[in-house]
Amino acid sequence: MKEFLELIAKSLVDDPEKVTVEVVETERNITLKLSVAEEDTGKVIGKEGRVAKAIRTVVRAASRNIDKPVFVDIV
């Protein structure tokens, strides 16, 4: 799931080298913390958070086979 989120984020930003995803797994869920360059933050969030919501929806749909819920945080 980490690689999938990195692929999505790198295709959206101008500086794909600064895209990092940290995985934090607890016994109840998995959180993917997405970090991008400061100047690319707006591109990942989008107007009124539409792009961020779409990213979360796609990742949630792709993680249906995982037994824990997956959340995406944009840092």
Protein backbone atom coordinates (compact mmCIF):
# COMPACT_ATOMS: atom_id res chain seq x y z
CA MET A 1 0.00 0.00 0.00
CA LYS A 2 2.96 2.30 0.69
CA GLU A 3 4.25 1.97 -2.87
CA PHE A 4 0.78 2.60 -4.29
CA LEU A 5 0.42 5.87 -2.35
CA GLU A 6 3.94 6.94 -3.37
CA LEU A 7 3.07 6.32 -7.02
CA ILE A 8 -0.07 8.46 -6.78
CA ALA A 9 1.68 11.30 -4.95
CA LYS A 10 4.73 11.34 -7.25
CA SER A 11 2.48 11.70 -10.28
CA LEU A 12 0.85 14.81 -8.76
CA VAL A 13 3.84 16.84 -7.55
CA ASP A 14 6.61 18.81 -9.25
CA ASP A 15 9.37 17.39 -7.01
CA PRO A 16 8.83 13.61 -6.76
CA GLU A 17 12.17 13.13 -4.99
CA LYS A 18 10.74 14.66 -1.80
CA VAL A 19 7.73 12.36 -1.56
CA THR A 20 7.93 10.05 1.45
CA VAL A 21 5.42 7.71 3.01
CA GLU A 22 5.76 6.50 6.58
CA VAL A 23 3.74 3.48 7.68
CA VAL A 24 2.46 3.43 11.26
CA GLU A 25 0.74 0.16 12.11
CA THR A 26 -1.15 -0.40 15.32
CA GLU A 27 -3.22 -3.37 16.38
CA ARG A 28 -6.39 -1.60 15.18
CA ASN A 29 -5.39 0.22 11.97
CA ILE A 30 -2.69 1.24 9.51
CA THR A 31 -1.84 4.90 8.98
CA LEU A 32 0.12 6.07 5.95
CA LYS A 33 1.74 9.45 6.58
CA LEU A 34 2.36 11.22 3.28
CA SER A 35 4.97 13.98 3.21
CA VAL A 36 5.74 16.14 0.18
CA ALA A 37 7.75 19.30 -0.50
CA GLU A 38 6.19 22.42 1.00
CA GLU A 39 5.52 23.96 -2.41
CA ASP A 40 3.69 20.79 -3.53
CA THR A 41 1.36 20.55 -0.54
CA GLY A 42 -1.40 22.47 -2.31
CA LYS A 43 -1.31 20.11 -5.26
CA VAL A 44 -1.76 17.08 -3.04
CA ILE A 45 -4.56 18.67 -1.00
CA GLY A 46 -6.35 20.39 -3.88
CA LYS A 47 -9.17 22.92 -3.79
CA GLU A 48 -11.27 22.38 -0.68
CA GLY A 49 -9.41 19.10 -0.12
CA ARG A 50 -10.86 17.35 -3.15
CA VAL A 51 -7.60 15.75 -4.28
CA ALA A 52 -6.79 14.59 -0.73
CA LYS A 53 -10.26 13.09 -0.41
CA ALA A 54 -9.85 11.30 -3.76
CA ILE A 55 -6.46 9.91 -2.70
CA ARG A 56 -7.95 8.61 0.56
CA THR A 57 -10.87 7.03 -1.30
CA VAL A 58 -8.62 5.24 -3.80
CA VAL A 59 -6.27 3.97 -1.08
CA ARG A 60 -9.21 2.79 1.02
CA ALA A 61 -10.67 0.94 -1.98
CA ALA A 62 -7.32 -0.64 -2.81
CA SER A 63 -6.91 -1.85 0.77
CA ARG A 64 -10.17 -3.83 0.92
CA ASN A 65 -8.22 -7.10 1.15
CA ILE A 66 -6.34 -5.95 4.26
CA ASP A 67 -7.96 -6.90 7.56
CA LYS A 68 -7.28 -3.46 9.14
CA PRO A 69 -8.61 -0.09 8.03
CA VAL A 70 -6.05 2.08 6.24
CA PHE A 71 -5.93 5.85 6.77
CA VAL A 72 -3.93 8.49 4.90
CA ASP A 73 -2.55 11.54 6.72
CA ILE A 74 -0.96 14.36 4.75
CA VAL A 75 1.83 15.87 6.83
